[in-house]
Amino acid sequence: MSHSILWSLVLALHLICIVVWIGGGAYAAIILRPSLNLLDTTQRNSVHLQTLNRFFKMLTHVVPTALITGWLMIIHEGGFAAAPWTTNVMQGLGLIMALLFVRVMMGPYQKVRRAIRPQPATFDSIRKQVLVIVALGVLTILAASMGHPFA
């Protein structure tokens, strides 16, 4: 396999992870959560829990893969010292997003998962924190766009 094809695949994997992470979060918080209000409480909680379970399981693979592929590309392009400020912004925001994901997954998500009758306030807390992650993801994408040289 050609060296450039390999790095193109690393970039593609990185971008797919970002799409799943940010797009999935936007879908869960902006589209799914409000739509669940059409269901009765038991159904709403069940669908919400099943959706969060699938999404968070996926993110346990996506988040580390996004970070690792990003770091591999930084190393490939000359290392951390040679990285432009936009790459450092992406990396910093990505790490904050990853920490927030771990915080949501280990905190309020575990609380609703273990509850006999999950409280709407806990689901709202998860939604708000996912929205923060999505907003940071949008800023990360803006940083990536600013760092892309156009000839």
C-alpha atoms as a PDB file:
ATOM      1  CA  MET A   1       0.000   0.000   0.000  1.00  0.00           C
ATOM      2  CA  SER A   2       1.329   3.413  -0.939  1.00  0.00           C
ATOM      3  CA  HIS A   3       2.436   5.727   1.856  1.00  0.00           C
ATOM      4  CA  SER A   4       0.029   8.482   0.744  1.00  0.00           C
ATOM      5  CA  ILE A   5      -2.884   6.031   0.487  1.00  0.00           C
ATOM      6  CA  LEU A   6      -2.213   4.922   4.059  1.00  0.00           C
ATOM      7  CA  TRP A   7      -2.328   8.507   5.360  1.00  0.00           C
ATOM      8  CA  SER A   8      -5.426   9.227   3.291  1.00  0.00           C
ATOM      9  CA  LEU A   9      -7.079   6.258   5.015  1.00  0.00           C
ATOM     10  CA  VAL A  10      -5.952   7.527   8.438  1.00  0.00           C
ATOM     11  CA  LEU A  11      -7.469  10.926   7.605  1.00  0.00           C
ATOM     12  CA  ALA A  12     -10.677   9.265   6.357  1.00  0.00           C
ATOM     13  CA  LEU A  13     -10.972   7.221   9.563  1.00  0.00           C
ATOM     14  CA  HIS A  14     -10.389  10.390  11.598  1.00  0.00           C
ATOM     15  CA  LEU A  15     -13.097  12.273   9.701  1.00  0.00           C
ATOM     16  CA  ILE A  16     -15.572   9.388   9.979  1.00  0.00           C
ATOM     17  CA  CYS A  17     -15.038   9.361  13.745  1.00  0.00           C
ATOM     18  CA  ILE A  18     -15.654  13.111  13.940  1.00  0.00           C
ATOM     19  CA  VAL A  19     -18.829  12.805  11.835  1.00  0.00           C
ATOM     20  CA  VAL A  20     -20.188  10.046  14.096  1.00  0.00           C
ATOM     21  CA  TRP A  21     -19.204  11.877  17.289  1.00  0.00           C
ATOM     22  CA  ILE A  22     -20.518  15.352  16.421  1.00  0.00           C
ATOM     23  CA  GLY A  23     -23.311  14.298  14.071  1.00  0.00           C
ATOM     24  CA  GLY A  24     -24.543  11.645  16.488  1.00  0.00           C
ATOM     25  CA  GLY A  25     -24.498  14.117  19.352  1.00  0.00           C
ATOM     26  CA  ALA A  26     -26.388  16.718  17.309  1.00  0.00           C
ATOM     27  CA  TYR A  27     -28.973  14.124  16.301  1.00  0.00           C
ATOM     28  CA  ALA A  28     -29.426  12.857  19.858  1.00  0.00           C
ATOM     29  CA  ALA A  29     -29.746  16.293  21.444  1.00  0.00           C
ATOM     30  CA  ILE A  30     -31.510  18.332  18.768  1.00  0.00           C
ATOM     31  CA  ILE A  31     -33.711  15.827  16.937  1.00  0.00           C
ATOM     32  CA  LEU A  32     -34.273  12.700  19.021  1.00  0.00           C
ATOM     33  CA  ARG A  33     -34.733  14.132  22.523  1.00  0.00           C
ATOM     34  CA  PRO A  34     -37.526  16.599  21.635  1.00  0.00           C
ATOM     35  CA  SER A  35     -39.250  13.964  19.458  1.00  0.00           C
ATOM     36  CA  LEU A  36     -39.410  11.573  22.409  1.00  0.00           C
ATOM     37  CA  ASN A  37     -41.983  13.865  24.030  1.00  0.00           C
ATOM     38  CA  LEU A  38     -44.557  12.262  21.713  1.00  0.00           C
ATOM     39  CA  LEU A  39     -44.246   9.010  23.704  1.00  0.00           C
ATOM     40  CA  ASP A  40     -45.559   8.192  27.160  1.00  0.00           C
ATOM     41  CA  THR A  41     -42.990   8.304  29.972  1.00  0.00           C
ATOM     42  CA  THR A  42     -42.197   4.573  30.034  1.00  0.00           C
ATOM     43  CA  GLN A  43     -41.716   4.369  26.265  1.00  0.00           C
ATOM     44  CA  ARG A  44     -39.768   7.648  26.194  1.00  0.00           C
ATOM     45  CA  ASN A  45     -37.361   6.450  28.882  1.00  0.00           C
ATOM     46  CA  SER A  46     -36.920   3.078  27.194  1.00  0.00           C
ATOM     47  CA  VAL A  47     -36.193   4.521  23.745  1.00  0.00           C
ATOM     48  CA  HIS A  48     -33.941   7.197  25.202  1.00  0.00           C
ATOM     49  CA  LEU A  49     -31.949   4.705  27.269  1.00  0.00           C
ATOM     50  CA  GLN A  50     -31.555   2.296  24.346  1.00  0.00           C
ATOM     51  CA  THR A  51     -30.425   5.109  22.058  1.00  0.00           C
ATOM     52  CA  LEU A  52     -27.941   6.497  24.583  1.00  0.00           C
ATOM     53  CA  ASN A  53     -26.632   3.002  25.245  1.00  0.00           C
ATOM     54  CA  ARG A  54     -25.920   2.396  21.556  1.00  0.00           C
ATOM     55  CA  PHE A  55     -24.471   5.884  21.040  1.00  0.00           C
ATOM     56  CA  PHE A  56     -22.180   5.768  24.073  1.00  0.00           C
ATOM     57  CA  LYS A  57     -20.999   2.235  23.231  1.00  0.00           C
ATOM     58  CA  MET A  58     -20.098   3.475  19.769  1.00  0.00           C
ATOM     59  CA  LEU A  59     -18.328   6.512  21.204  1.00  0.00           C
ATOM     60  CA  THR A  60     -16.171   4.309  23.436  1.00  0.00           C
ATOM     61  CA  HIS A  61     -14.532   3.229  20.162  1.00  0.00           C
ATOM     62  CA  VAL A  62     -14.931   6.433  18.145  1.00  0.00           C
ATOM     63  CA  VAL A  63     -13.448   8.886  20.668  1.00  0.00           C
ATOM     64  CA  PRO A  64     -10.125   7.060  21.206  1.00  0.00           C
ATOM     65  CA  THR A  65      -9.852   6.363  17.472  1.00  0.00           C
ATOM     66  CA  ALA A  66     -10.388  10.059  16.667  1.00  0.00           C
ATOM     67  CA  LEU A  67      -7.716  11.104  19.167  1.00  0.00           C
ATOM     68  CA  ILE A  68      -5.207   8.457  18.064  1.00  0.00           C
ATOM     69  CA  THR A  69      -5.636   9.131  14.342  1.00  0.00           C
ATOM     70  CA  GLY A  70      -5.283  12.851  15.006  1.00  0.00           C
ATOM     71  CA  TRP A  71      -2.058  12.310  16.937  1.00  0.00           C
ATOM     72  CA  LEU A  72      -0.732   9.973  14.242  1.00  0.00           C
ATOM     73  CA  MET A  73      -1.300  12.671  11.618  1.00  0.00           C
ATOM     74  CA  ILE A  74       0.425  15.275  13.801  1.00  0.00           C
ATOM     75  CA  ILE A  75       3.440  12.989  14.196  1.00  0.00           C
ATOM     76  CA  HIS A  76       3.413  12.258  10.462  1.00  0.00           C
ATOM     77  CA  GLU A  77       3.405  15.981   9.645  1.00  0.00           C
ATOM     78  CA  GLY A  78       6.475  16.767  11.740  1.00  0.00           C
ATOM     79  CA  GLY A  79       5.433  16.332  15.352  1.00  0.00           C
ATOM     80  CA  PHE A  80       3.727  18.362  18.016  1.00  0.00           C
ATOM     81  CA  ALA A  81       6.324  21.146  18.072  1.00  0.00           C
ATOM     82  CA  ALA A  82       5.832  21.783  14.353  1.00  0.00           C
ATOM     83  CA  ALA A  83       2.022  21.744  14.508  1.00  0.00           C
ATOM     84  CA  PRO A  84       0.273  25.005  13.587  1.00  0.00           C
ATOM     85  CA  TRP A  85      -1.844  26.760  16.190  1.00  0.00           C
ATOM     86  CA  THR A  86      -5.047  25.521  14.534  1.00  0.00           C
ATOM     87  CA  THR A  87      -3.926  21.920  15.068  1.00  0.00           C
ATOM     88  CA  ASN A  88      -3.215  22.680  18.716  1.00  0.00           C
ATOM     89  CA  VAL A  89      -6.706  24.209  19.032  1.00  0.00           C
ATOM     90  CA  MET A  90      -8.202  21.061  17.457  1.00  0.00           C
ATOM     91  CA  GLN A  91      -6.224  18.856  19.812  1.00  0.00           C
ATOM     92  CA  GLY A  92      -7.143  20.890  22.886  1.00  0.00           C
ATOM     93  CA  LEU A  93     -10.838  20.993  22.041  1.00  0.00           C
ATOM     94  CA  GLY A  94     -10.794  17.287  21.173  1.00  0.00           C
ATOM     95  CA  LEU A  95      -9.324  16.443  24.570  1.00  0.00           C
ATOM     96  CA  ILE A  96     -11.919  18.616  26.330  1.00  0.00           C
ATOM     97  CA  MET A  97     -14.674  16.922  24.323  1.00  0.00           C
ATOM     98  CA  ALA A  98     -13.299  13.494  25.250  1.00  0.00           C
ATOM     99  CA  LEU A  99     -13.193  14.398  28.940  1.00  0.00           C
ATOM    100  CA  LEU A 100     -16.758  15.726  28.778  1.00  0.00           C
ATOM    101  CA  PHE A 101     -17.864  12.488  27.097  1.00  0.00           C
ATOM    102  CA  VAL A 102     -16.292  10.433  29.887  1.00  0.00           C
ATOM    103  CA  ARG A 103     -17.930  12.725  32.457  1.00  0.00           C
ATOM    104  CA  VAL A 104     -21.397  12.304  30.899  1.00  0.00           C
ATOM    105  CA  MET A 105     -20.996   8.567  30.435  1.00  0.00           C
ATOM    106  CA  MET A 106     -19.706   7.922  33.963  1.00  0.00           C
ATOM    107  CA  GLY A 107     -22.030  10.405  35.674  1.00  0.00           C
ATOM    108  CA  PRO A 108     -25.586  11.173  34.557  1.00  0.00           C
ATOM    109  CA  TYR A 109     -25.766   8.348  32.013  1.00  0.00           C
ATOM    110  CA  GLN A 110     -24.936   5.754  34.691  1.00  0.00           C
ATOM    111  CA  LYS A 111     -27.504   7.406  36.949  1.00  0.00           C
ATOM    112  CA  VAL A 112     -30.359   7.040  34.420  1.00  0.00           C
ATOM    113  CA  ARG A 113     -29.178   3.576  33.399  1.00  0.00           C
ATOM    114  CA  ARG A 114     -29.389   2.301  36.983  1.00  0.00           C
ATOM    115  CA  ALA A 115     -32.578   4.120  37.972  1.00  0.00           C
ATOM    116  CA  ILE A 116     -35.840   2.259  38.250  1.00  0.00           C
ATOM    117  CA  ARG A 117     -37.639   5.431  37.172  1.00  0.00           C
ATOM    118  CA  PRO A 118     -35.127   7.733  35.441  1.00  0.00           C
ATOM    119  CA  GLN A 119     -35.825  11.395  36.081  1.00  0.00           C
ATOM    120  CA  PRO A 120     -36.351  13.854  33.208  1.00  0.00           C
ATOM    121  CA  ALA A 121     -33.857  16.247  34.833  1.00  0.00           C
ATOM    122  CA  THR A 122     -31.078  13.690  34.425  1.00  0.00           C
ATOM    123  CA  PHE A 123     -31.926  13.186  30.746  1.00  0.00           C
ATOM    124  CA  ASP A 124     -31.917  16.985  30.376  1.00  0.00           C
ATOM    125  CA  SER A 125     -28.480  17.127  32.011  1.00  0.00           C
ATOM    126  CA  ILE A 126     -27.173  14.571  29.515  1.00  0.00           C
ATOM    127  CA  ARG A 127     -28.705  16.542  26.633  1.00  0.00           C
ATOM    128  CA  LYS A 128     -27.140  19.830  27.769  1.00  0.00           C
ATOM    129  CA  GLN A 129     -23.719  18.251  28.158  1.00  0.00           C
ATOM    130  CA  VAL A 130     -23.977  16.587  24.746  1.00  0.00           C
ATOM    131  CA  LEU A 131     -24.902  19.986  23.280  1.00  0.00           C
ATOM    132  CA  VAL A 132     -21.723  21.449  24.792  1.00  0.00           C
ATOM    133  CA  ILE A 133     -19.719  18.647  23.161  1.00  0.00           C
ATOM    134  CA  VAL A 134     -21.431  19.352  19.825  1.00  0.00           C
ATOM    135  CA  ALA A 135     -20.688  23.093  20.124  1.00  0.00           C
ATOM    136  CA  LEU A 136     -17.039  22.351  20.890  1.00  0.00           C
ATOM    137  CA  GLY A 137     -17.017  19.968  17.918  1.00  0.00           C
ATOM    138  CA  VAL A 138     -18.258  22.744  15.643  1.00  0.00           C
ATOM    139  CA  LEU A 139     -15.458  25.001  16.941  1.00  0.00           C
ATOM    140  CA  THR A 140     -13.002  22.170  16.301  1.00  0.00           C
ATOM    141  CA  ILE A 141     -14.219  21.877  12.719  1.00  0.00           C
ATOM    142  CA  LEU A 142     -13.847  25.645  12.297  1.00  0.00           C
ATOM    143  CA  ALA A 143     -10.269  25.419  13.583  1.00  0.00           C
ATOM    144  CA  ALA A 144      -9.571  22.586  11.133  1.00  0.00           C
ATOM    145  CA  SER A 145     -10.977  24.673   8.290  1.00  0.00           C
ATOM    146  CA  MET A 146      -8.891  27.696   9.254  1.00  0.00           C
ATOM    147  CA  GLY A 147      -5.761  25.578   9.298  1.00  0.00           C
ATOM    148  CA  HIS A 148      -6.316  24.180   5.819  1.00  0.00           C
ATOM    149  CA  PRO A 149      -4.063  25.959   3.311  1.00  0.00           C
ATOM    150  CA  PHE A 150      -5.658  26.929   0.018  1.00  0.00           C
ATOM    151  CA  ALA A 151      -3.336  27.428  -2.922  1.00  0.00           C
END
